[in-house]
Amino acid sequence: MSAFAIALAVSTVLGMASGQILFKLASGRGGLMEIFFSPIFWVAIVLYGLVTILWVLLLREVDLSRAYPFLAGTYVLVPIASMLFLGEKLGWSYGLGVALIIGGIILTVRA
């Protein structure tokens, strides 16, 4: 993969993870209408729109089978970000799971 494609993949994963944290923050704003009118919710929606554009640009650069495994990075980043920014707890099994996910990403990208 080119440096540009890697940058797109990393940006997509970071954007998706950030959007999930923003959605979680928006979810604590009250009822459905309060969430819908929350600026945090709309920032997350716009971010997801931008991430979708990055994803499409990435797919122009590489095969879907090469790009898709990178999305598993969100399974690593979202819980870490939830721990750091939301105070959620992670157990030892999470570390083992992260190692397996990262190993799987490496195996599939090199295949």
PDB file of N, CA and C in Angstrom:
ATOM      1  N   MET A   1       0.847  -1.189   0.000  1.00  0.00           N
ATOM      2  CA  MET A   1       0.000   0.000   0.000  1.00  0.00           C
ATOM      3  C   MET A   1       0.879   1.234   0.000  1.00  0.00           C
ATOM      4  N   SER A   2       0.418   2.241  -0.696  1.00  0.00           N
ATOM      5  CA  SER A   2       1.150   3.494  -0.751  1.00  0.00           C
ATOM      6  C   SER A   2       0.995   4.251   0.565  1.00  0.00           C
ATOM      7  N   ALA A   3       1.850   5.239   0.771  1.00  0.00           N
ATOM      8  CA  ALA A   3       1.761   6.071   1.972  1.00  0.00           C
ATOM      9  C   ALA A   3       0.414   6.799   2.014  1.00  0.00           C
ATOM     10  N   PHE A   4      -0.070   7.215   0.848  1.00  0.00           N
ATOM     11  CA  PHE A   4      -1.365   7.896   0.773  1.00  0.00           C
ATOM     12  C   PHE A   4      -2.487   6.961   1.221  1.00  0.00           C
ATOM     13  N   ALA A   5      -2.464   5.723   0.768  1.00  0.00           N
ATOM     14  CA  ALA A   5      -3.491   4.747   1.138  1.00  0.00           C
ATOM     15  C   ALA A   5      -3.437   4.448   2.635  1.00  0.00           C
ATOM     16  N   ILE A   6      -2.242   4.335   3.169  1.00  0.00           N
ATOM     17  CA  ILE A   6      -2.107   4.098   4.616  1.00  0.00           C
ATOM     18  C   ILE A   6      -2.655   5.281   5.397  1.00  0.00           C
ATOM     19  N   ALA A   7      -2.352   6.493   4.934  1.00  0.00           N
ATOM     20  CA  ALA A   7      -2.877   7.692   5.599  1.00  0.00           C
ATOM     21  C   ALA A   7      -4.404   7.715   5.549  1.00  0.00           C
ATOM     22  N   LEU A   8      -4.980   7.341   4.421  1.00  0.00           N
ATOM     23  CA  LEU A   8      -6.444   7.270   4.310  1.00  0.00           C
ATOM     24  C   LEU A   8      -7.014   6.225   5.259  1.00  0.00           C
ATOM     25  N   ALA A   9      -6.375   5.059   5.336  1.00  0.00           N
ATOM     26  CA  ALA A   9      -6.847   3.986   6.219  1.00  0.00           C
ATOM     27  C   ALA A   9      -6.785   4.421   7.682  1.00  0.00           C
ATOM     28  N   VAL A  10      -5.676   5.005   8.073  1.00  0.00           N
ATOM     29  CA  VAL A  10      -5.519   5.454   9.458  1.00  0.00           C
ATOM     30  C   VAL A  10      -6.523   6.559   9.773  1.00  0.00           C
ATOM     31  N   SER A  11      -6.701   7.498   8.852  1.00  0.00           N
ATOM     32  CA  SER A  11      -7.660   8.586   9.058  1.00  0.00           C
ATOM     33  C   SER A  11      -9.081   8.058   9.176  1.00  0.00           C
ATOM     34  N   THR A  12      -9.411   7.056   8.371  1.00  0.00           N
ATOM     35  CA  THR A  12     -10.740   6.451   8.435  1.00  0.00           C
ATOM     36  C   THR A  12     -10.981   5.811   9.797  1.00  0.00           C
ATOM     37  N   VAL A  13     -10.014   5.054  10.260  1.00  0.00           N
ATOM     38  CA  VAL A  13     -10.158   4.383  11.559  1.00  0.00           C
ATOM     39  C   VAL A  13     -10.237   5.403  12.697  1.00  0.00           C
ATOM     40  N   LEU A  14      -9.377   6.399  12.678  1.00  0.00           N
ATOM     41  CA  LEU A  14      -9.407   7.428  13.725  1.00  0.00           C
ATOM     42  C   LEU A  14     -10.730   8.195  13.701  1.00  0.00           C
ATOM     43  N   GLY A  15     -11.209   8.505  12.500  1.00  0.00           N
ATOM     44  CA  GLY A  15     -12.480   9.218  12.377  1.00  0.00           C
ATOM     45  C   GLY A  15     -13.657   8.398  12.878  1.00  0.00           C
ATOM     46  N   MET A  16     -13.659   7.109  12.536  1.00  0.00           N
ATOM     47  CA  MET A  16     -14.738   6.240  13.006  1.00  0.00           C
ATOM     48  C   MET A  16     -14.720   6.111  14.534  1.00  0.00           C
ATOM     49  N   ALA A  17     -13.532   5.942  15.085  1.00  0.00           N
ATOM     50  CA  ALA A  17     -13.411   5.810  16.539  1.00  0.00           C
ATOM     51  C   ALA A  17     -13.856   7.101  17.231  1.00  0.00           C
ATOM     52  N   SER A  18     -13.439   8.226  16.692  1.00  0.00           N
ATOM     53  CA  SER A  18     -13.838   9.520  17.266  1.00  0.00           C
ATOM     54  C   SER A  18     -15.350   9.696  17.190  1.00  0.00           C
ATOM     55  N   GLY A  19     -15.939   9.314  16.064  1.00  0.00           N
ATOM     56  CA  GLY A  19     -17.389   9.410  15.914  1.00  0.00           C
ATOM     57  C   GLY A  19     -18.122   8.579  16.945  1.00  0.00           C
ATOM     58  N   GLN A  20     -17.620   7.383  17.240  1.00  0.00           N
ATOM     59  CA  GLN A  20     -18.266   6.533  18.243  1.00  0.00           C
ATOM     60  C   GLN A  20     -18.231   7.172  19.631  1.00  0.00           C
ATOM     61  N   ILE A  21     -17.100   7.782  19.969  1.00  0.00           N
ATOM     62  CA  ILE A  21     -17.009   8.469  21.267  1.00  0.00           C
ATOM     63  C   ILE A  21     -17.978   9.641  21.311  1.00  0.00           C
ATOM     64  N   LEU A  22     -18.064  10.391  20.213  1.00  0.00           N
ATOM     65  CA  LEU A  22     -19.007  11.515  20.166  1.00  0.00           C
ATOM     66  C   LEU A  22     -20.449  11.036  20.260  1.00  0.00           C
ATOM     67  N   PHE A  23     -20.782   9.934  19.587  1.00  0.00           N
ATOM     68  CA  PHE A  23     -22.131   9.394  19.703  1.00  0.00           C
ATOM     69  C   PHE A  23     -22.440   8.991  21.149  1.00  0.00           C
ATOM     70  N   LYS A  24     -21.466   8.402  21.825  1.00  0.00           N
ATOM     71  CA  LYS A  24     -21.670   8.022  23.229  1.00  0.00           C
ATOM     72  C   LYS A  24     -21.893   9.266  24.080  1.00  0.00           C
ATOM     73  N   LEU A  25     -21.104  10.307  23.847  1.00  0.00           N
ATOM     74  CA  LEU A  25     -21.293  11.552  24.598  1.00  0.00           C
ATOM     75  C   LEU A  25     -22.672  12.147  24.330  1.00  0.00           C
ATOM     76  N   ALA A  26     -23.107  12.126  23.078  1.00  0.00           N
ATOM     77  CA  ALA A  26     -24.421  12.660  22.730  1.00  0.00           C
ATOM     78  C   ALA A  26     -25.538  11.842  23.367  1.00  0.00           C
ATOM     79  N   SER A  27     -25.320  10.549  23.536  1.00  0.00           N
ATOM     80  CA  SER A  27     -26.364   9.681  24.087  1.00  0.00           C
ATOM     81  C   SER A  27     -26.713  10.031  25.524  1.00  0.00           C
ATOM     82  N   GLY A  28     -25.813  10.706  26.216  1.00  0.00           N
ATOM     83  CA  GLY A  28     -26.066  11.088  27.599  1.00  0.00           C
ATOM     84  C   GLY A  28     -26.755  12.426  27.745  1.00  0.00           C
ATOM     85  N   ARG A  29     -27.251  12.976  26.644  1.00  0.00           N
ATOM     86  CA  ARG A  29     -27.868  14.308  26.654  1.00  0.00           C
ATOM     87  C   ARG A  29     -29.329  14.311  27.049  1.00  0.00           C
ATOM     88  N   GLY A  30     -29.930  13.146  27.271  1.00  0.00           N
ATOM     89  CA  GLY A  30     -31.338  13.098  27.641  1.00  0.00           C
ATOM     90  C   GLY A  30     -32.108  12.193  26.722  1.00  0.00           C
ATOM     91  N   GLY A  31     -33.339  12.604  26.420  1.00  0.00           N
ATOM     92  CA  GLY A  31     -34.211  11.821  25.559  1.00  0.00           C
ATOM     93  C   GLY A  31     -33.806  11.936  24.096  1.00  0.00           C
ATOM     94  N   LEU A  32     -34.585  11.254  23.259  1.00  0.00           N
ATOM     95  CA  LEU A  32     -34.278  11.202  21.837  1.00  0.00           C
ATOM     96  C   LEU A  32     -34.221  12.593  21.202  1.00  0.00           C
ATOM     97  N   MET A  33     -35.129  13.462  21.560  1.00  0.00           N
ATOM     98  CA  MET A  33     -35.133  14.807  20.965  1.00  0.00           C
ATOM     99  C   MET A  33     -33.927  15.621  21.427  1.00  0.00           C
ATOM    100  N   GLU A  34     -33.552  15.482  22.676  1.00  0.00           N
ATOM    101  CA  GLU A  34     -32.358  16.198  23.168  1.00  0.00           C
ATOM    102  C   GLU A  34     -31.102  15.694  22.466  1.00  0.00           C
ATOM    103  N   ILE A  35     -31.039  14.396  22.258  1.00  0.00           N
ATOM    104  CA  ILE A  35     -29.896  13.830  21.530  1.00  0.00           C
ATOM    105  C   ILE A  35     -29.889  14.357  20.105  1.00  0.00           C
ATOM    106  N   PHE A  36     -31.046  14.328  19.445  1.00  0.00           N
ATOM    107  CA  PHE A  36     -31.143  14.763  18.053  1.00  0.00           C
ATOM    108  C   PHE A  36     -30.708  16.218  17.886  1.00  0.00           C
ATOM    109  N   PHE A  37     -31.028  17.062  18.837  1.00  0.00           N
ATOM    110  CA  PHE A  37     -30.677  18.485  18.735  1.00  0.00           C
ATOM    111  C   PHE A  37     -29.335  18.816  19.385  1.00  0.00           C
ATOM    112  N   SER A  38     -28.645  17.817  19.870  1.00  0.00           N
ATOM    113  CA  SER A  38     -27.341  18.030  20.490  1.00  0.00           C
ATOM    114  C   SER A  38     -26.283  18.352  19.429  1.00  0.00           C
ATOM    115  N   PRO A  39     -25.497  19.406  19.624  1.00  0.00           N
ATOM    116  CA  PRO A  39     -24.418  19.705  18.667  1.00  0.00           C
ATOM    117  C   PRO A  39     -23.403  18.561  18.567  1.00  0.00           C
ATOM    118  N   ILE A  40     -23.175  17.860  19.667  1.00  0.00           N
ATOM    119  CA  ILE A  40     -22.227  16.740  19.648  1.00  0.00           C
ATOM    120  C   ILE A  40     -22.708  15.654  18.684  1.00  0.00           C
ATOM    121  N   PHE A  41     -24.000  15.378  18.688  1.00  0.00           N
ATOM    122  CA  PHE A  41     -24.573  14.387  17.776  1.00  0.00           C
ATOM    123  C   PHE A  41     -24.319  14.798  16.324  1.00  0.00           C
ATOM    124  N   TRP A  42     -24.524  16.055  16.013  1.00  0.00           N
ATOM    125  CA  TRP A  42     -24.365  16.515  14.628  1.00  0.00           C
ATOM    126  C   TRP A  42     -22.908  16.589  14.212  1.00  0.00           C
ATOM    127  N   VAL A  43     -22.017  16.865  15.150  1.00  0.00           N
ATOM    128  CA  VAL A  43     -20.583  16.793  14.835  1.00  0.00           C
ATOM    129  C   VAL A  43     -20.219  15.356  14.476  1.00  0.00           C
ATOM    130  N   ALA A  44     -20.757  14.397  15.227  1.00  0.00           N
ATOM    131  CA  ALA A  44     -20.493  12.980  14.940  1.00  0.00           C
ATOM    132  C   ALA A  44     -21.051  12.594  13.567  1.00  0.00           C
ATOM    133  N   ILE A  45     -22.232  13.069  13.232  1.00  0.00           N
ATOM    134  CA  ILE A  45     -22.831  12.768  11.925  1.00  0.00           C
ATOM    135  C   ILE A  45     -21.966  13.325  10.795  1.00  0.00           C
ATOM    136  N   VAL A  46     -21.533  14.575  10.939  1.00  0.00           N
ATOM    137  CA  VAL A  46     -20.678  15.200   9.914  1.00  0.00           C
ATOM    138  C   VAL A  46     -19.354  14.443   9.813  1.00  0.00           C
ATOM    139  N   LEU A  47     -18.784  14.095  10.958  1.00  0.00           N
ATOM    140  CA  LEU A  47     -17.534  13.340  10.960  1.00  0.00           C
ATOM    141  C   LEU A  47     -17.708  12.013  10.217  1.00  0.00           C
ATOM    142  N   TYR A  48     -18.801  11.313  10.470  1.00  0.00           N
ATOM    143  CA  TYR A  48     -19.053  10.049   9.766  1.00  0.00           C
ATOM    144  C   TYR A  48     -19.190  10.278   8.258  1.00  0.00           C
ATOM    145  N   GLY A  49     -19.797  11.384   7.874  1.00  0.00           N
ATOM    146  CA  GLY A  49     -19.888  11.706   6.449  1.00  0.00           C
ATOM    147  C   GLY A  49     -18.514  11.908   5.837  1.00  0.00           C
ATOM    148  N   LEU A  50     -17.647  12.623   6.533  1.00  0.00           N
ATOM    149  CA  LEU A  50     -16.284  12.844   6.050  1.00  0.00           C
ATOM    150  C   LEU A  50     -15.495  11.539   6.005  1.00  0.00           C
ATOM    151  N   VAL A  51     -15.677  10.708   7.005  1.00  0.00           N
ATOM    152  CA  VAL A  51     -14.996   9.417   7.047  1.00  0.00           C
ATOM    153  C   VAL A  51     -15.453   8.539   5.877  1.00  0.00           C
ATOM    154  N   THR A  52     -16.727   8.625   5.527  1.00  0.00           N
ATOM    155  CA  THR A  52     -17.228   7.866   4.381  1.00  0.00           C
ATOM    156  C   THR A  52     -16.530   8.300   3.098  1.00  0.00           C
ATOM    157  N   ILE A  53     -16.309   9.586   2.948  1.00  0.00           N
ATOM    158  CA  ILE A  53     -15.579  10.092   1.777  1.00  0.00           C
ATOM    159  C   ILE A  53     -14.146   9.566   1.782  1.00  0.00           C
ATOM    160  N   LEU A  54     -13.497   9.580   2.935  1.00  0.00           N
ATOM    161  CA  LEU A  54     -12.137   9.033   3.030  1.00  0.00           C
ATOM    162  C   LEU A  54     -12.122   7.558   2.653  1.00  0.00           C
ATOM    163  N   TRP A  55     -13.127   6.816   3.110  1.00  0.00           N
ATOM    164  CA  TRP A  55     -13.228   5.390   2.817  1.00  0.00           C
ATOM    165  C   TRP A  55     -13.341   5.161   1.309  1.00  0.00           C
ATOM    166  N   VAL A  56     -14.180   5.952   0.652  1.00  0.00           N
ATOM    167  CA  VAL A  56     -14.338   5.806  -0.796  1.00  0.00           C
ATOM    168  C   VAL A  56     -13.022   6.134  -1.508  1.00  0.00           C
ATOM    169  N   LEU A  57     -12.325   7.162  -1.040  1.00  0.00           N
ATOM    170  CA  LEU A  57     -11.018   7.489  -1.621  1.00  0.00           C
ATOM    171  C   LEU A  57     -10.033   6.348  -1.422  1.00  0.00           C
ATOM    172  N   LEU A  58     -10.072   5.723  -0.255  1.00  0.00           N
ATOM    173  CA  LEU A  58      -9.194   4.585   0.007  1.00  0.00           C
ATOM    174  C   LEU A  58      -9.519   3.437  -0.946  1.00  0.00           C
ATOM    175  N   LEU A  59     -10.797   3.194  -1.172  1.00  0.00           N
ATOM    176  CA  LEU A  59     -11.189   2.098  -2.059  1.00  0.00           C
ATOM    177  C   LEU A  59     -10.788   2.352  -3.509  1.00  0.00           C
ATOM    178  N   ARG A  60     -10.567   3.602  -3.868  1.00  0.00           N
ATOM    179  CA  ARG A  60     -10.031   3.902  -5.199  1.00  0.00           C
ATOM    180  C   ARG A  60      -8.571   3.502  -5.302  1.00  0.00           C
ATOM    181  N   GLU A  61      -7.885   3.465  -4.168  1.00  0.00           N
ATOM    182  CA  GLU A  61      -6.446   3.195  -4.127  1.00  0.00           C
ATOM    183  C   GLU A  61      -6.104   1.712  -3.981  1.00  0.00           C
ATOM    184  N   VAL A  62      -6.934   0.982  -3.226  1.00  0.00           N
ATOM    185  CA  VAL A  62      -6.617  -0.422  -2.922  1.00  0.00           C
ATOM    186  C   VAL A  62      -7.871  -1.279  -3.051  1.00  0.00           C
ATOM    187  N   ASP A  63      -7.658  -2.578  -3.173  1.00  0.00           N
ATOM    188  CA  ASP A  63      -8.764  -3.528  -3.206  1.00  0.00           C
ATOM    189  C   ASP A  63      -9.501  -3.519  -1.867  1.00  0.00           C
ATOM    190  N   LEU A  64     -10.784  -3.790  -1.923  1.00  0.00           N
ATOM    191  CA  LEU A  64     -11.598  -3.861  -0.711  1.00  0.00           C
ATOM    192  C   LEU A  64     -11.044  -4.898   0.262  1.00  0.00           C
ATOM    193  N   SER A  65     -10.586  -6.022  -0.279  1.00  0.00           N
ATOM    194  CA  SER A  65     -10.053  -7.082   0.578  1.00  0.00           C
ATOM    195  C   SER A  65      -8.793  -6.644   1.322  1.00  0.00           C
ATOM    196  N   ARG A  66      -8.086  -5.667   0.802  1.00  0.00           N
ATOM    197  CA  ARG A  66      -6.898  -5.129   1.482  1.00  0.00           C
ATOM    198  C   ARG A  66      -7.266  -4.013   2.456  1.00  0.00           C
ATOM    199  N   ALA A  67      -8.281  -3.239   2.109  1.00  0.00           N
ATOM    200  CA  ALA A  67      -8.661  -2.093   2.938  1.00  0.00           C
ATOM    201  C   ALA A  67      -9.488  -2.498   4.151  1.00  0.00           C
ATOM    202  N   TYR A  68     -10.387  -3.448   3.962  1.00  0.00           N
ATOM    203  CA  TYR A  68     -11.360  -3.776   5.000  1.00  0.00           C
ATOM    204  C   TYR A  68     -10.754  -4.217   6.335  1.00  0.00           C
ATOM    205  N   PRO A  69      -9.694  -4.997   6.348  1.00  0.00           N
ATOM    206  CA  PRO A  69      -9.139  -5.400   7.643  1.00  0.00           C
ATOM    207  C   PRO A  69      -8.711  -4.226   8.529  1.00  0.00           C
ATOM    208  N   PHE A  70      -8.378  -3.104   7.926  1.00  0.00           N
ATOM    209  CA  PHE A  70      -7.986  -1.948   8.732  1.00  0.00           C
ATOM    210  C   PHE A  70      -9.124  -1.465   9.626  1.00  0.00           C
ATOM    211  N   LEU A  71     -10.361  -1.673   9.192  1.00  0.00           N
ATOM    212  CA  LEU A  71     -11.492  -1.227  10.000  1.00  0.00           C
ATOM    213  C   LEU A  71     -11.543  -1.921  11.350  1.00  0.00           C
ATOM    214  N   ALA A  72     -10.913  -3.078  11.459  1.00  0.00           N
ATOM    215  CA  ALA A  72     -10.856  -3.765  12.750  1.00  0.00           C
ATOM    216  C   ALA A  72     -10.094  -2.934  13.775  1.00  0.00           C
ATOM    217  N   GLY A  73      -9.318  -1.988  13.307  1.00  0.00           N
ATOM    218  CA  GLY A  73      -8.617  -1.079  14.225  1.00  0.00           C
ATOM    219  C   GLY A  73      -9.567  -0.311  15.120  1.00  0.00           C
ATOM    220  N   THR A  74     -10.814  -0.115  14.663  1.00  0.00           N
ATOM    221  CA  THR A  74     -11.786   0.574  15.513  1.00  0.00           C
ATOM    222  C   THR A  74     -12.113  -0.258  16.750  1.00  0.00           C
ATOM    223  N   TYR A  75     -12.029  -1.604  16.623  1.00  0.00           N
ATOM    224  CA  TYR A  75     -12.287  -2.468  17.777  1.00  0.00           C
ATOM    225  C   TYR A  75     -11.192  -2.338  18.832  1.00  0.00           C
ATOM    226  N   VAL A  76     -10.064  -1.815  18.427  1.00  0.00           N
ATOM    227  CA  VAL A  76      -8.962  -1.565  19.350  1.00  0.00           C
ATOM    228  C   VAL A  76      -9.087  -0.165  19.935  1.00  0.00           C
ATOM    229  N   LEU A  77      -9.310   0.813  19.067  1.00  0.00           N
ATOM    230  CA  LEU A  77      -9.277   2.211  19.497  1.00  0.00           C
ATOM    231  C   LEU A  77     -10.492   2.663  20.294  1.00  0.00           C
ATOM    232  N   VAL A  78     -11.680   2.210  19.920  1.00  0.00           N
ATOM    233  CA  VAL A  78     -12.880   2.695  20.616  1.00  0.00           C
ATOM    234  C   VAL A  78     -12.860   2.339  22.104  1.00  0.00           C
ATOM    235  N   PRO A  79     -12.593   1.092  22.498  1.00  0.00           N
ATOM    236  CA  PRO A  79     -12.540   0.819  23.936  1.00  0.00           C
ATOM    237  C   PRO A  79     -11.421   1.583  24.665  1.00  0.00           C
ATOM    238  N   ILE A  80     -10.271   1.746  24.008  1.00  0.00           N
ATOM    239  CA  ILE A  80      -9.194   2.519  24.646  1.00  0.00           C
ATOM    240  C   ILE A  80      -9.638   3.962  24.844  1.00  0.00           C
ATOM    241  N   ALA A  81     -10.258   4.548  23.822  1.00  0.00           N
ATOM    242  CA  ALA A  81     -10.750   5.921  23.940  1.00  0.00           C
ATOM    243  C   ALA A  81     -11.854   6.017  24.983  1.00  0.00           C
ATOM    244  N   SER A  82     -12.708   4.998  25.073  1.00  0.00           N
ATOM    245  CA  SER A  82     -13.769   5.029  26.087  1.00  0.00           C
ATOM    246  C   SER A  82     -13.183   4.961  27.489  1.00  0.00           C
ATOM    247  N   MET A  83     -12.075   4.258  27.634  1.00  0.00           N
ATOM    248  CA  MET A  83     -11.398   4.209  28.929  1.00  0.00           C
ATOM    249  C   MET A  83     -10.805   5.582  29.258  1.00  0.00           C
ATOM    250  N   LEU A  84     -10.123   6.177  28.278  1.00  0.00           N
ATOM    251  CA  LEU A  84      -9.441   7.455  28.508  1.00  0.00           C
ATOM    252  C   LEU A  84     -10.397   8.631  28.685  1.00  0.00           C
ATOM    253  N   PHE A  85     -11.453   8.683  27.857  1.00  0.00           N
ATOM    254  CA  PHE A  85     -12.316   9.859  27.838  1.00  0.00           C
ATOM    255  C   PHE A  85     -13.632   9.689  28.582  1.00  0.00           C
ATOM    256  N   LEU A  86     -14.051   8.438  28.782  1.00  0.00           N
ATOM    257  CA  LEU A  86     -15.340   8.201  29.423  1.00  0.00           C
ATOM    258  C   LEU A  86     -15.220   7.477  30.761  1.00  0.00           C
ATOM    259  N   GLY A  87     -13.998   7.090  31.116  1.00  0.00           N
ATOM    260  CA  GLY A  87     -13.783   6.425  32.395  1.00  0.00           C
ATOM    261  C   GLY A  87     -14.247   4.982  32.445  1.00  0.00           C
ATOM    262  N   GLU A  88     -14.458   4.358  31.289  1.00  0.00           N
ATOM    263  CA  GLU A  88     -14.867   2.956  31.279  1.00  0.00           C
ATOM    264  C   GLU A  88     -13.686   2.060  31.620  1.00  0.00           C
ATOM    265  N   LYS A  89     -13.973   0.890  32.147  1.00  0.00           N
ATOM    266  CA  LYS A  89     -12.932  -0.041  32.582  1.00  0.00           C
ATOM    267  C   LYS A  89     -12.688  -1.119  31.526  1.00  0.00           C
ATOM    268  N   LEU A  90     -11.425  -1.534  31.412  1.00  0.00           N
ATOM    269  CA  LEU A  90     -11.050  -2.620  30.513  1.00  0.00           C
ATOM    270  C   LEU A  90     -10.331  -3.690  31.326  1.00  0.00           C
ATOM    271  N   GLY A  91     -10.626  -4.936  31.035  1.00  0.00           N
ATOM    272  CA  GLY A  91     -10.002  -6.044  31.746  1.00  0.00           C
ATOM    273  C   GLY A  91      -8.808  -6.605  30.991  1.00  0.00           C
ATOM    274  N   TRP A  92      -8.159  -7.601  31.604  1.00  0.00           N
ATOM    275  CA  TRP A  92      -6.981  -8.228  30.987  1.00  0.00           C
ATOM    276  C   TRP A  92      -7.340  -8.924  29.684  1.00  0.00           C
ATOM    277  N   SER A  93      -8.568  -9.433  29.602  1.00  0.00           N
ATOM    278  CA  SER A  93      -8.977 -10.125  28.382  1.00  0.00           C
ATOM    279  C   SER A  93      -9.038  -9.171  27.196  1.00  0.00           C
ATOM    280  N   TYR A  94      -9.259  -7.898  27.480  1.00  0.00           N
ATOM    281  CA  TYR A  94      -9.257  -6.912  26.395  1.00  0.00           C
ATOM    282  C   TYR A  94      -7.871  -6.854  25.752  1.00  0.00           C
ATOM    283  N   GLY A  95      -6.829  -6.865  26.574  1.00  0.00           N
ATOM    284  CA  GLY A  95      -5.460  -6.849  26.037  1.00  0.00           C
ATOM    285  C   GLY A  95      -5.178  -8.037  25.153  1.00  0.00           C
ATOM    286  N   LEU A  96      -5.648  -9.191  25.563  1.00  0.00           N
ATOM    287  CA  LEU A  96      -5.490 -10.398  24.752  1.00  0.00           C
ATOM    288  C   LEU A  96      -6.262 -10.258  23.442  1.00  0.00           C
ATOM    289  N   GLY A  97      -7.465  -9.754  23.512  1.00  0.00           N
ATOM    290  CA  GLY A  97      -8.264  -9.543  22.320  1.00  0.00           C
ATOM    291  C   GLY A  97      -7.613  -8.572  21.358  1.00  0.00           C
ATOM    292  N   VAL A  98      -7.033  -7.502  21.888  1.00  0.00           N
ATOM    293  CA  VAL A  98      -6.330  -6.515  21.057  1.00  0.00           C
ATOM    294  C   VAL A  98      -5.161  -7.174  20.330  1.00  0.00           C
ATOM    295  N   ALA A  99      -4.415  -7.988  21.046  1.00  0.00           N
ATOM    296  CA  ALA A  99      -3.277  -8.669  20.416  1.00  0.00           C
ATOM    297  C   ALA A  99      -3.753  -9.565  19.269  1.00  0.00           C
ATOM    298  N   LEU A 100      -4.853 -10.265  19.478  1.00  0.00           N
ATOM    299  CA  LEU A 100      -5.397 -11.130  18.430  1.00  0.00           C
ATOM    300  C   LEU A 100      -5.903 -10.312  17.234  1.00  0.00           C
ATOM    301  N   ILE A 101      -6.558  -9.208  17.506  1.00  0.00           N
ATOM    302  CA  ILE A 101      -7.054  -8.353  16.421  1.00  0.00           C
ATOM    303  C   ILE A 101      -5.893  -7.796  15.611  1.00  0.00           C
ATOM    304  N   ILE A 102      -4.893  -7.280  16.287  1.00  0.00           N
ATOM    305  CA  ILE A 102      -3.731  -6.710  15.589  1.00  0.00           C
ATOM    306  C   ILE A 102      -3.034  -7.797  14.777  1.00  0.00           C
ATOM    307  N   GLY A 103      -2.881  -8.984  15.364  1.00  0.00           N
ATOM    308  CA  GLY A 103      -2.288 -10.095  14.623  1.00  0.00           C
ATOM    309  C   GLY A 103      -3.122 -10.446  13.400  1.00  0.00           C
ATOM    310  N   GLY A 104      -4.433 -10.432  13.534  1.00  0.00           N
ATOM    311  CA  GLY A 104      -5.299 -10.713  12.398  1.00  0.00           C
ATOM    312  C   GLY A 104      -5.192  -9.661  11.307  1.00  0.00           C
ATOM    313  N   ILE A 105      -5.101  -8.405  11.709  1.00  0.00           N
ATOM    314  CA  ILE A 105      -4.936  -7.334  10.723  1.00  0.00           C
ATOM    315  C   ILE A 105      -3.638  -7.535   9.952  1.00  0.00           C
ATOM    316  N   ILE A 106      -2.568  -7.817  10.673  1.00  0.00           N
ATOM    317  CA  ILE A 106      -1.265  -8.008  10.023  1.00  0.00           C
ATOM    318  C   ILE A 106      -1.323  -9.193   9.064  1.00  0.00           C
ATOM    319  N   LEU A 107      -1.900 -10.305   9.505  1.00  0.00           N
ATOM    320  CA  LEU A 107      -1.986 -11.486   8.646  1.00  0.00           C
ATOM    321  C   LEU A 107      -2.801 -11.225   7.372  1.00  0.00           C
ATOM    322  N   THR A 108      -3.936 -10.556   7.530  1.00  0.00           N
ATOM    323  CA  THR A 108      -4.776 -10.347   6.340  1.00  0.00           C
ATOM    324  C   THR A 108      -4.209  -9.320   5.389  1.00  0.00           C
ATOM    325  N   VAL A 109      -3.546  -8.314   5.903  1.00  0.00           N
ATOM    326  CA  VAL A 109      -2.975  -7.294   5.015  1.00  0.00           C
ATOM    327  C   VAL A 109      -1.782  -7.852   4.264  1.00  0.00           C
ATOM    328  N   ARG A 110      -1.042  -8.743   4.885  1.00  0.00           N
ATOM    329  CA  ARG A 110       0.150  -9.328   4.220  1.00  0.00           C
ATOM    330  C   ARG A 110      -0.191 -10.494   3.310  1.00  0.00           C
ATOM    331  N   ALA A 111      -1.419 -10.978   3.378  1.00  0.00           N
ATOM    332  CA  ALA A 111      -1.812 -12.151   2.576  1.00  0.00           C
ATOM    333  C   ALA A 111      -1.794 -11.841   1.089  1.00  0.00           C
TER     334      ALA A 111
END
